[in-house]
Amino acid sequence: RGLSARGSAGSGLRWRGLVRKACYLGAPHHGAPLERGGHWIDILLESTPYSAPFSALGRIRSAGITDLRHGHVLDEDWGGHHRFSTRGDTRRPVPLAEDVQQYALAATSGRAHRDIKTRLLGDGLVPVASALGEHRDPAFTLSFPPSHRRIVYETGHLDLLSRQEVYEQ
């Protein structure tokens, strides 16, 4: 839901005037490696006539799941290309809405920020940098104020919903 909220925030929807705060729990703002890996598995399966029928199984993923490859929030980001086409990250930057207080919470199975689990695995589905809106291209970095960002350690993606420190934040 986090990507959907960001994508519709810029489209002038009426609900925007009703929302004062938004909290993203492990939202893959810049994508999730699991979907990128699934995409490459589909490509490999298509490479031979023997495994090609199995690639059809991978194509039953919803548009919402394929949006997770790079964190697409706008339909226009697909640029008329099929969502299973082989292309890199072609999204346009979508900044945070300025009239809404927004918070980002990331989970990690690691015990500390520099822990190898934190750097490589994140919460098992979403890397910490993606959940916090960090990107190597400053145009894509989401400007969550430091007081609106939190990393919850030794926690999996789905565990964010049941952790006391998440509710306290």
N, C-alpha and C. Protein backbone atom coordinates (compact mmCIF):
# COMPACT_ATOMS: atom_id res chain seq x y z
N ARG A 1 0.81 -1.20 0.00
CA ARG A 1 0.00 0.00 0.00
C ARG A 1 0.85 1.27 0.00
N GLY A 2 2.08 1.18 0.52
CA GLY A 2 2.92 2.36 0.60
C GLY A 2 3.21 2.96 -0.76
N LEU A 3 3.54 2.11 -1.74
CA LEU A 3 3.81 2.62 -3.08
C LEU A 3 2.57 3.23 -3.69
N SER A 4 1.41 2.63 -3.45
CA SER A 4 0.16 3.16 -3.98
C SER A 4 -0.13 4.54 -3.41
N ALA A 5 0.11 4.72 -2.13
CA ALA A 5 -0.14 6.00 -1.49
C ALA A 5 0.77 7.07 -2.06
N ARG A 6 2.04 6.75 -2.27
CA ARG A 6 2.97 7.73 -2.84
C ARG A 6 2.59 8.06 -4.27
N GLY A 7 2.20 7.08 -5.05
CA GLY A 7 1.86 7.31 -6.46
C GLY A 7 0.62 8.16 -6.62
N SER A 8 -0.36 7.97 -5.78
CA SER A 8 -1.59 8.74 -5.91
C SER A 8 -1.50 10.08 -5.21
N ALA A 9 -0.48 10.27 -4.39
CA ALA A 9 -0.34 11.55 -3.67
C ALA A 9 -0.15 12.71 -4.63
N GLY A 10 0.53 12.46 -5.73
CA GLY A 10 0.77 13.54 -6.67
C GLY A 10 -0.34 13.71 -7.69
N SER A 11 -1.37 12.89 -7.64
CA SER A 11 -2.38 12.94 -8.69
C SER A 11 -3.59 13.79 -8.33
N GLY A 12 -3.53 14.51 -7.22
CA GLY A 12 -4.61 15.42 -6.87
C GLY A 12 -5.86 14.74 -6.36
N LEU A 13 -5.74 13.56 -5.80
CA LEU A 13 -6.92 12.87 -5.28
C LEU A 13 -7.48 13.61 -4.08
N ARG A 14 -8.78 13.52 -3.90
CA ARG A 14 -9.45 14.24 -2.82
C ARG A 14 -8.98 13.83 -1.44
N TRP A 15 -8.59 12.58 -1.25
CA TRP A 15 -8.20 12.13 0.09
C TRP A 15 -6.98 12.86 0.61
N ARG A 16 -6.20 13.45 -0.28
CA ARG A 16 -4.98 14.12 0.17
C ARG A 16 -5.27 15.21 1.18
N GLY A 17 -6.34 15.94 1.03
CA GLY A 17 -6.68 16.98 1.98
C GLY A 17 -7.12 16.45 3.33
N LEU A 18 -7.44 15.16 3.39
CA LEU A 18 -7.91 14.54 4.62
C LEU A 18 -6.78 13.87 5.41
N VAL A 19 -5.67 13.62 4.75
CA VAL A 19 -4.56 12.91 5.37
C VAL A 19 -3.52 13.90 5.87
N ARG A 20 -3.18 13.80 7.15
CA ARG A 20 -2.15 14.67 7.73
C ARG A 20 -0.85 13.93 7.95
N LYS A 21 -0.96 12.61 8.19
CA LYS A 21 0.23 11.80 8.46
C LYS A 21 0.14 10.49 7.70
N ALA A 22 1.30 10.01 7.27
CA ALA A 22 1.38 8.70 6.61
C ALA A 22 2.60 7.98 7.16
N CYS A 23 2.44 6.70 7.42
CA CYS A 23 3.53 5.89 7.95
C CYS A 23 3.74 4.70 7.03
N TYR A 24 4.94 4.56 6.51
CA TYR A 24 5.29 3.47 5.61
C TYR A 24 6.05 2.41 6.41
N LEU A 25 5.48 1.23 6.53
CA LEU A 25 6.11 0.13 7.26
C LEU A 25 6.79 -0.81 6.27
N GLY A 26 8.08 -0.70 6.14
CA GLY A 26 8.82 -1.58 5.25
C GLY A 26 8.43 -1.43 3.80
N ALA A 27 7.98 -0.26 3.38
CA ALA A 27 7.57 -0.04 1.99
C ALA A 27 8.80 -0.08 1.07
N PRO A 28 8.71 -0.80 -0.02
CA PRO A 28 9.85 -0.89 -0.94
C PRO A 28 9.90 0.30 -1.90
N HIS A 29 10.21 1.47 -1.37
CA HIS A 29 10.20 2.70 -2.17
C HIS A 29 11.07 2.58 -3.43
N HIS A 30 12.16 1.84 -3.33
CA HIS A 30 13.05 1.69 -4.48
C HIS A 30 13.17 0.23 -4.90
N GLY A 31 12.12 -0.53 -4.66
CA GLY A 31 12.07 -1.89 -5.15
C GLY A 31 12.51 -2.93 -4.13
N ALA A 32 12.35 -4.17 -4.57
CA ALA A 32 12.69 -5.31 -3.72
C ALA A 32 13.45 -6.34 -4.55
N PRO A 33 14.58 -6.82 -4.04
CA PRO A 33 15.40 -7.78 -4.78
C PRO A 33 14.67 -9.07 -5.14
N LEU A 34 13.72 -9.49 -4.33
CA LEU A 34 13.01 -10.74 -4.61
C LEU A 34 12.28 -10.65 -5.95
N GLU A 35 11.64 -9.53 -6.24
CA GLU A 35 10.96 -9.36 -7.53
C GLU A 35 11.96 -9.25 -8.66
N ARG A 36 13.07 -8.56 -8.45
CA ARG A 36 14.09 -8.48 -9.50
C ARG A 36 14.64 -9.88 -9.79
N GLY A 37 14.85 -10.66 -8.75
CA GLY A 37 15.32 -12.04 -8.94
C GLY A 37 14.30 -12.89 -9.67
N GLY A 38 13.04 -12.75 -9.31
CA GLY A 38 11.97 -13.48 -10.00
C GLY A 38 11.91 -13.13 -11.47
N HIS A 39 12.14 -11.88 -11.79
CA HIS A 39 12.15 -11.43 -13.19
C HIS A 39 13.26 -12.13 -13.96
N TRP A 40 14.47 -12.20 -13.36
CA TRP A 40 15.58 -12.85 -14.05
C TRP A 40 15.38 -14.35 -14.17
N ILE A 41 14.73 -14.96 -13.21
CA ILE A 41 14.42 -16.39 -13.33
C ILE A 41 13.48 -16.61 -14.51
N ASP A 42 12.49 -15.74 -14.69
CA ASP A 42 11.60 -15.84 -15.85
C ASP A 42 12.39 -15.78 -17.16
N ILE A 43 13.35 -14.85 -17.21
CA ILE A 43 14.16 -14.69 -18.42
C ILE A 43 14.96 -15.96 -18.69
N LEU A 44 15.56 -16.53 -17.65
CA LEU A 44 16.33 -17.76 -17.82
C LEU A 44 15.44 -18.92 -18.26
N LEU A 45 14.25 -19.02 -17.67
CA LEU A 45 13.34 -20.10 -18.04
C LEU A 45 12.90 -20.00 -19.50
N GLU A 46 12.78 -18.79 -20.01
CA GLU A 46 12.37 -18.59 -21.40
C GLU A 46 13.46 -18.94 -22.39
N SER A 47 14.69 -19.13 -21.93
CA SER A 47 15.83 -19.29 -22.82
C SER A 47 15.88 -20.63 -23.55
N THR A 48 15.16 -21.62 -23.07
CA THR A 48 15.15 -22.90 -23.78
C THR A 48 13.71 -23.37 -23.97
N PRO A 49 13.45 -24.10 -25.03
CA PRO A 49 12.08 -24.57 -25.25
C PRO A 49 11.62 -25.56 -24.18
N TYR A 50 12.56 -26.17 -23.48
CA TYR A 50 12.19 -27.15 -22.46
C TYR A 50 11.70 -26.48 -21.17
N SER A 51 12.27 -25.34 -20.85
CA SER A 51 11.86 -24.68 -19.61
C SER A 51 10.89 -23.51 -19.85
N ALA A 52 10.71 -23.12 -21.10
CA ALA A 52 9.83 -21.98 -21.41
C ALA A 52 8.42 -22.11 -20.84
N PRO A 53 7.81 -23.29 -20.87
CA PRO A 53 6.46 -23.38 -20.28
C PRO A 53 6.42 -23.00 -18.80
N PHE A 54 7.52 -23.20 -18.09
CA PHE A 54 7.55 -22.86 -16.67
C PHE A 54 7.60 -21.35 -16.45
N SER A 55 8.09 -20.60 -17.45
CA SER A 55 8.13 -19.15 -17.30
C SER A 55 6.72 -18.58 -17.23
N ALA A 56 5.75 -19.29 -17.81
CA ALA A 56 4.35 -18.83 -17.73
C ALA A 56 3.87 -18.79 -16.29
N LEU A 57 4.39 -19.68 -15.45
CA LEU A 57 4.01 -19.64 -14.03
C LEU A 57 4.46 -18.35 -13.37
N GLY A 58 5.63 -17.89 -13.75
CA GLY A 58 6.13 -16.64 -13.17
C GLY A 58 5.36 -15.42 -13.63
N ARG A 59 4.69 -15.54 -14.75
CA ARG A 59 3.95 -14.40 -15.30
C ARG A 59 2.54 -14.27 -14.72
N ILE A 60 2.23 -15.08 -13.75
CA ILE A 60 0.93 -14.90 -13.09
C ILE A 60 1.03 -13.89 -11.95
N ARG A 61 2.23 -13.32 -11.77
CA ARG A 61 2.40 -12.26 -10.77
C ARG A 61 1.56 -11.06 -11.17
N SER A 62 0.99 -10.42 -10.17
CA SER A 62 0.14 -9.25 -10.42
C SER A 62 0.98 -8.04 -10.82
N ALA A 63 0.31 -7.04 -11.36
CA ALA A 63 0.99 -5.78 -11.71
C ALA A 63 1.57 -5.15 -10.44
N GLY A 64 0.87 -5.29 -9.32
CA GLY A 64 1.38 -4.75 -8.06
C GLY A 64 2.70 -5.37 -7.66
N ILE A 65 2.85 -6.66 -7.91
CA ILE A 65 4.10 -7.34 -7.59
C ILE A 65 5.21 -6.90 -8.54
N THR A 66 4.91 -6.83 -9.83
CA THR A 66 5.96 -6.42 -10.77
C THR A 66 6.36 -4.96 -10.56
N ASP A 67 5.48 -4.14 -10.00
CA ASP A 67 5.85 -2.77 -9.65
C ASP A 67 6.96 -2.75 -8.60
N LEU A 68 7.06 -3.82 -7.82
CA LEU A 68 8.08 -3.91 -6.77
C LEU A 68 9.48 -4.10 -7.32
N ARG A 69 9.61 -4.40 -8.61
CA ARG A 69 10.94 -4.63 -9.17
C ARG A 69 11.83 -3.41 -8.92
N HIS A 70 11.32 -2.23 -9.21
CA HIS A 70 12.12 -1.02 -9.00
C HIS A 70 11.41 0.00 -8.12
N GLY A 71 10.18 -0.27 -7.72
CA GLY A 71 9.43 0.67 -6.91
C GLY A 71 8.60 1.62 -7.75
N HIS A 72 8.01 1.11 -8.83
CA HIS A 72 7.16 1.94 -9.68
C HIS A 72 5.94 2.43 -8.90
N VAL A 73 5.64 3.71 -9.03
CA VAL A 73 4.45 4.26 -8.39
C VAL A 73 3.51 4.90 -9.40
N LEU A 74 3.96 5.10 -10.61
CA LEU A 74 3.13 5.71 -11.65
C LEU A 74 2.97 4.75 -12.82
N ASP A 75 1.77 4.66 -13.37
CA ASP A 75 1.56 3.82 -14.55
C ASP A 75 2.45 4.26 -15.71
N GLU A 76 2.67 5.57 -15.81
CA GLU A 76 3.48 6.11 -16.90
C GLU A 76 4.92 5.61 -16.86
N ASP A 77 5.38 5.15 -15.69
CA ASP A 77 6.76 4.67 -15.58
C ASP A 77 7.03 3.45 -16.45
N TRP A 78 5.99 2.73 -16.79
CA TRP A 78 6.18 1.57 -17.66
C TRP A 78 6.37 2.01 -19.10
N GLY A 79 6.05 3.26 -19.42
CA GLY A 79 6.32 3.84 -20.74
C GLY A 79 5.81 3.03 -21.91
N GLY A 80 4.65 2.41 -21.77
CA GLY A 80 4.09 1.63 -22.86
C GLY A 80 4.72 0.26 -23.03
N HIS A 81 5.66 -0.09 -22.17
CA HIS A 81 6.30 -1.40 -22.25
C HIS A 81 5.53 -2.41 -21.41
N HIS A 82 5.58 -3.63 -21.82
CA HIS A 82 4.95 -4.71 -21.06
C HIS A 82 5.68 -4.86 -19.74
N ARG A 83 4.96 -5.14 -18.67
CA ARG A 83 5.58 -5.21 -17.35
C ARG A 83 6.56 -6.35 -17.18
N PHE A 84 6.56 -7.32 -18.10
CA PHE A 84 7.54 -8.41 -18.03
C PHE A 84 8.69 -8.19 -19.00
N SER A 85 8.74 -7.03 -19.65
CA SER A 85 9.83 -6.76 -20.58
C SER A 85 11.13 -6.58 -19.80
N THR A 86 12.23 -6.77 -20.48
CA THR A 86 13.54 -6.64 -19.87
C THR A 86 14.02 -5.21 -20.07
N ARG A 87 13.95 -4.44 -19.02
CA ARG A 87 14.44 -3.08 -19.05
C ARG A 87 14.86 -2.69 -17.65
N GLY A 88 15.69 -1.74 -17.56
CA GLY A 88 16.18 -1.29 -16.26
C GLY A 88 15.16 -0.39 -15.56
N ASP A 89 15.65 0.29 -14.58
CA ASP A 89 14.83 1.20 -13.79
C ASP A 89 14.61 2.49 -14.59
N THR A 90 13.40 2.69 -15.09
CA THR A 90 13.10 3.86 -15.91
C THR A 90 12.08 4.77 -15.23
N ARG A 91 11.95 4.65 -13.92
CA ARG A 91 10.96 5.48 -13.22
C ARG A 91 11.37 6.95 -13.21
N ARG A 92 10.34 7.77 -13.02
CA ARG A 92 10.58 9.19 -12.78
C ARG A 92 10.51 9.40 -11.27
N PRO A 93 11.30 10.35 -10.75
CA PRO A 93 11.25 10.61 -9.31
C PRO A 93 9.86 11.11 -8.88
N VAL A 94 9.38 10.60 -7.77
CA VAL A 94 8.13 11.05 -7.16
C VAL A 94 8.46 11.43 -5.72
N PRO A 95 8.59 12.73 -5.45
CA PRO A 95 8.95 13.14 -4.09
C PRO A 95 7.78 12.94 -3.12
N LEU A 96 8.10 13.03 -1.85
CA LEU A 96 7.06 12.96 -0.83
C LEU A 96 6.18 14.20 -0.91
N ALA A 97 4.89 14.04 -0.66
CA ALA A 97 3.98 15.18 -0.61
C ALA A 97 4.39 16.08 0.54
N GLU A 98 4.50 17.36 0.30
CA GLU A 98 4.98 18.29 1.33
C GLU A 98 3.93 18.62 2.38
N ASP A 99 2.65 18.42 2.06
CA ASP A 99 1.60 18.79 3.01
C ASP A 99 1.17 17.64 3.92
N VAL A 100 1.94 16.55 3.92
CA VAL A 100 1.64 15.38 4.75
C VAL A 100 2.91 15.03 5.53
N GLN A 101 2.78 14.85 6.85
CA GLN A 101 3.91 14.36 7.65
C GLN A 101 4.07 12.88 7.35
N GLN A 102 5.26 12.49 6.93
CA GLN A 102 5.46 11.11 6.51
C GLN A 102 6.61 10.47 7.29
N TYR A 103 6.40 9.20 7.63
CA TYR A 103 7.32 8.45 8.46
C TYR A 103 7.70 7.16 7.74
N ALA A 104 8.96 6.76 7.85
CA ALA A 104 9.43 5.52 7.24
C ALA A 104 10.02 4.62 8.32
N LEU A 105 9.53 3.41 8.39
CA LEU A 105 10.08 2.41 9.30
C LEU A 105 10.60 1.25 8.48
N ALA A 106 11.81 0.85 8.78
CA ALA A 106 12.45 -0.28 8.11
C ALA A 106 12.72 -1.36 9.15
N ALA A 107 12.67 -2.58 8.72
CA ALA A 107 13.01 -3.70 9.59
C ALA A 107 14.28 -4.36 9.06
N THR A 108 14.99 -5.01 9.95
CA THR A 108 16.16 -5.78 9.55
C THR A 108 16.33 -6.95 10.51
N SER A 109 16.82 -8.04 9.96
CA SER A 109 17.11 -9.20 10.80
C SER A 109 18.42 -9.00 11.56
N GLY A 110 19.18 -7.98 11.18
CA GLY A 110 20.45 -7.70 11.84
C GLY A 110 20.27 -7.07 13.21
N ARG A 111 21.37 -7.04 13.96
CA ARG A 111 21.35 -6.49 15.32
C ARG A 111 21.79 -5.02 15.38
N ALA A 112 22.43 -4.54 14.31
CA ALA A 112 22.93 -3.17 14.29
C ALA A 112 22.93 -2.64 12.86
N HIS A 113 23.13 -1.34 12.71
CA HIS A 113 23.06 -0.71 11.39
C HIS A 113 24.12 -1.24 10.43
N ARG A 114 25.31 -1.50 10.91
CA ARG A 114 26.41 -1.96 10.05
C ARG A 114 26.50 -3.49 9.98
N ASP A 115 25.61 -4.18 10.62
CA ASP A 115 25.57 -5.64 10.61
C ASP A 115 25.42 -6.13 9.17
N ILE A 116 26.07 -7.24 8.84
CA ILE A 116 26.01 -7.77 7.48
C ILE A 116 24.57 -8.15 7.10
N LYS A 117 23.79 -8.62 8.06
CA LYS A 117 22.39 -8.94 7.77
C LYS A 117 21.61 -7.68 7.39
N THR A 118 21.91 -6.59 8.06
CA THR A 118 21.23 -5.33 7.76
C THR A 118 21.59 -4.87 6.35
N ARG A 119 22.87 -4.95 6.01
CA ARG A 119 23.32 -4.47 4.70
C ARG A 119 22.87 -5.37 3.56
N LEU A 120 22.83 -6.68 3.77
CA LEU A 120 22.52 -7.59 2.66
C LEU A 120 21.08 -8.07 2.62
N LEU A 121 20.48 -8.33 3.77
CA LEU A 121 19.16 -8.96 3.81
C LEU A 121 18.02 -8.02 4.15
N GLY A 122 18.31 -6.99 4.91
CA GLY A 122 17.21 -6.14 5.38
C GLY A 122 16.24 -6.97 6.18
N ASP A 123 14.96 -6.85 5.88
CA ASP A 123 13.95 -7.59 6.62
C ASP A 123 13.59 -8.92 5.98
N GLY A 124 14.35 -9.32 4.97
CA GLY A 124 14.07 -10.56 4.26
C GLY A 124 13.33 -10.33 2.95
N LEU A 125 12.64 -9.20 2.83
CA LEU A 125 11.93 -8.85 1.60
C LEU A 125 12.35 -7.49 1.05
N VAL A 126 12.53 -6.53 1.95
CA VAL A 126 12.82 -5.15 1.54
C VAL A 126 14.14 -4.70 2.17
N PRO A 127 15.08 -4.23 1.36
CA PRO A 127 16.32 -3.69 1.94
C PRO A 127 16.05 -2.44 2.77
N VAL A 128 16.86 -2.22 3.78
CA VAL A 128 16.69 -1.07 4.67
C VAL A 128 16.72 0.23 3.87
N ALA A 129 17.66 0.38 2.96
CA ALA A 129 17.77 1.62 2.18
C ALA A 129 16.49 1.89 1.39
N SER A 130 15.92 0.86 0.80
CA SER A 130 14.67 1.02 0.04
C SER A 130 13.53 1.45 0.95
N ALA A 131 13.42 0.83 2.12
CA ALA A 131 12.35 1.16 3.06
C ALA A 131 12.49 2.58 3.61
N LEU A 132 13.73 3.08 3.70
CA LEU A 132 13.95 4.43 4.21
C LEU A 132 13.97 5.48 3.09
N GLY A 133 13.79 5.04 1.86
CA GLY A 133 13.75 5.97 0.74
C GLY A 133 15.11 6.46 0.29
N GLU A 134 16.17 5.76 0.69
CA GLU A 134 17.53 6.16 0.30
C GLU A 134 17.85 5.63 -1.09
N HIS A 135 18.55 6.44 -1.89
CA HIS A 135 18.90 6.04 -3.26
C HIS A 135 20.22 6.70 -3.62
N ARG A 136 21.02 6.04 -4.43
CA ARG A 136 22.32 6.62 -4.80
C ARG A 136 22.15 7.86 -5.69
N ASP A 137 21.01 7.97 -6.38
CA ASP A 137 20.70 9.17 -7.18
C ASP A 137 19.89 10.12 -6.29
N PRO A 138 20.43 11.29 -5.97
CA PRO A 138 19.71 12.22 -5.08
C PRO A 138 18.30 12.58 -5.56
N ALA A 139 18.04 12.52 -6.85
CA ALA A 139 16.71 12.85 -7.37
C ALA A 139 15.66 11.85 -6.87
N PHE A 140 16.09 10.64 -6.57
CA PHE A 140 15.16 9.60 -6.12
C PHE A 140 15.11 9.46 -4.59
N THR A 141 16.05 10.07 -3.89
CA THR A 141 16.07 9.97 -2.43
C THR A 141 14.85 10.68 -1.86
N LEU A 142 14.15 10.00 -0.98
CA LEU A 142 12.97 10.58 -0.33
C LEU A 142 13.44 11.29 0.94
N SER A 143 12.98 12.49 1.12
CA SER A 143 13.47 13.33 2.21
C SER A 143 12.67 13.17 3.49
N PHE A 144 12.76 11.99 4.08
CA PHE A 144 12.16 11.79 5.40
C PHE A 144 13.08 12.48 6.42
N PRO A 145 12.55 13.38 7.25
CA PRO A 145 13.40 13.98 8.28
C PRO A 145 13.96 12.88 9.19
N PRO A 146 15.15 13.06 9.73
CA PRO A 146 15.74 12.03 10.60
C PRO A 146 14.81 11.59 11.73
N SER A 147 14.03 12.49 12.27
CA SER A 147 13.12 12.11 13.36
C SER A 147 11.91 11.32 12.86
N HIS A 148 11.75 11.21 11.55
CA HIS A 148 10.63 10.46 10.96
C HIS A 148 11.09 9.14 10.35
N ARG A 149 12.32 8.74 10.68
CA ARG A 149 12.88 7.48 10.18
C ARG A 149 13.23 6.59 11.36
N ARG A 150 13.03 5.30 11.18
CA ARG A 150 13.36 4.37 12.27
C ARG A 150 13.69 3.01 11.68
N ILE A 151 14.71 2.38 12.22
CA ILE A 151 15.06 1.01 11.87
C ILE A 151 14.74 0.14 13.08
N VAL A 152 13.98 -0.91 12.87
CA VAL A 152 13.65 -1.85 13.93
C VAL A 152 14.52 -3.09 13.70
N TYR A 153 15.39 -3.37 14.65
CA TYR A 153 16.36 -4.45 14.50
C TYR A 153 15.79 -5.80 14.94
N GLU A 154 16.44 -6.85 14.43
CA GLU A 154 16.06 -8.24 14.73
C GLU A 154 14.56 -8.47 14.47
N THR A 155 14.12 -7.98 13.33
CA THR A 155 12.70 -8.02 12.98
C THR A 155 12.55 -8.35 11.50
N GLY A 156 11.60 -9.21 11.18
CA GLY A 156 11.28 -9.52 9.80
C GLY A 156 10.22 -8.57 9.26
N HIS A 157 10.01 -8.62 7.96
CA HIS A 157 9.08 -7.71 7.29
C HIS A 157 7.68 -7.76 7.90
N LEU A 158 7.13 -8.93 8.04
CA LEU A 158 5.76 -9.05 8.56
C LEU A 158 5.68 -8.77 10.07
N ASP A 159 6.81 -8.88 10.75
CA ASP A 159 6.83 -8.61 12.19
C ASP A 159 6.65 -7.13 12.52
N LEU A 160 6.81 -6.26 11.53
CA LEU A 160 6.62 -4.82 11.77
C LEU A 160 5.22 -4.53 12.32
N LEU A 161 4.26 -5.33 11.94
CA LEU A 161 2.88 -5.10 12.36
C LEU A 161 2.64 -5.41 13.83
N SER A 162 3.53 -6.17 14.45
CA SER A 162 3.29 -6.59 15.83
C SER A 162 4.35 -6.12 16.82
N ARG A 163 5.25 -5.25 16.40
CA ARG A 163 6.32 -4.81 17.30
C ARG A 163 5.91 -3.54 18.05
N GLN A 164 6.11 -3.56 19.35
CA GLN A 164 5.74 -2.42 20.21
C GLN A 164 6.45 -1.15 19.81
N GLU A 165 7.76 -1.25 19.47
CA GLU A 165 8.49 -0.03 19.12
C GLU A 165 7.97 0.62 17.85
N VAL A 166 7.33 -0.14 16.98
CA VAL A 166 6.72 0.44 15.78
C VAL A 166 5.55 1.32 16.19
N TYR A 167 4.72 0.81 17.09
CA TYR A 167 3.57 1.59 17.55
C TYR A 167 4.01 2.81 18.36
N GLU A 168 5.08 2.67 19.11
CA GLU A 168 5.59 3.80 19.87
C GLU A 168 6.10 4.91 18.94
N GLN A 169 6.74 4.51 17.89
CA GLN A 169 7.26 5.50 16.92
C GLN A 169 6.09 6.23 16.28
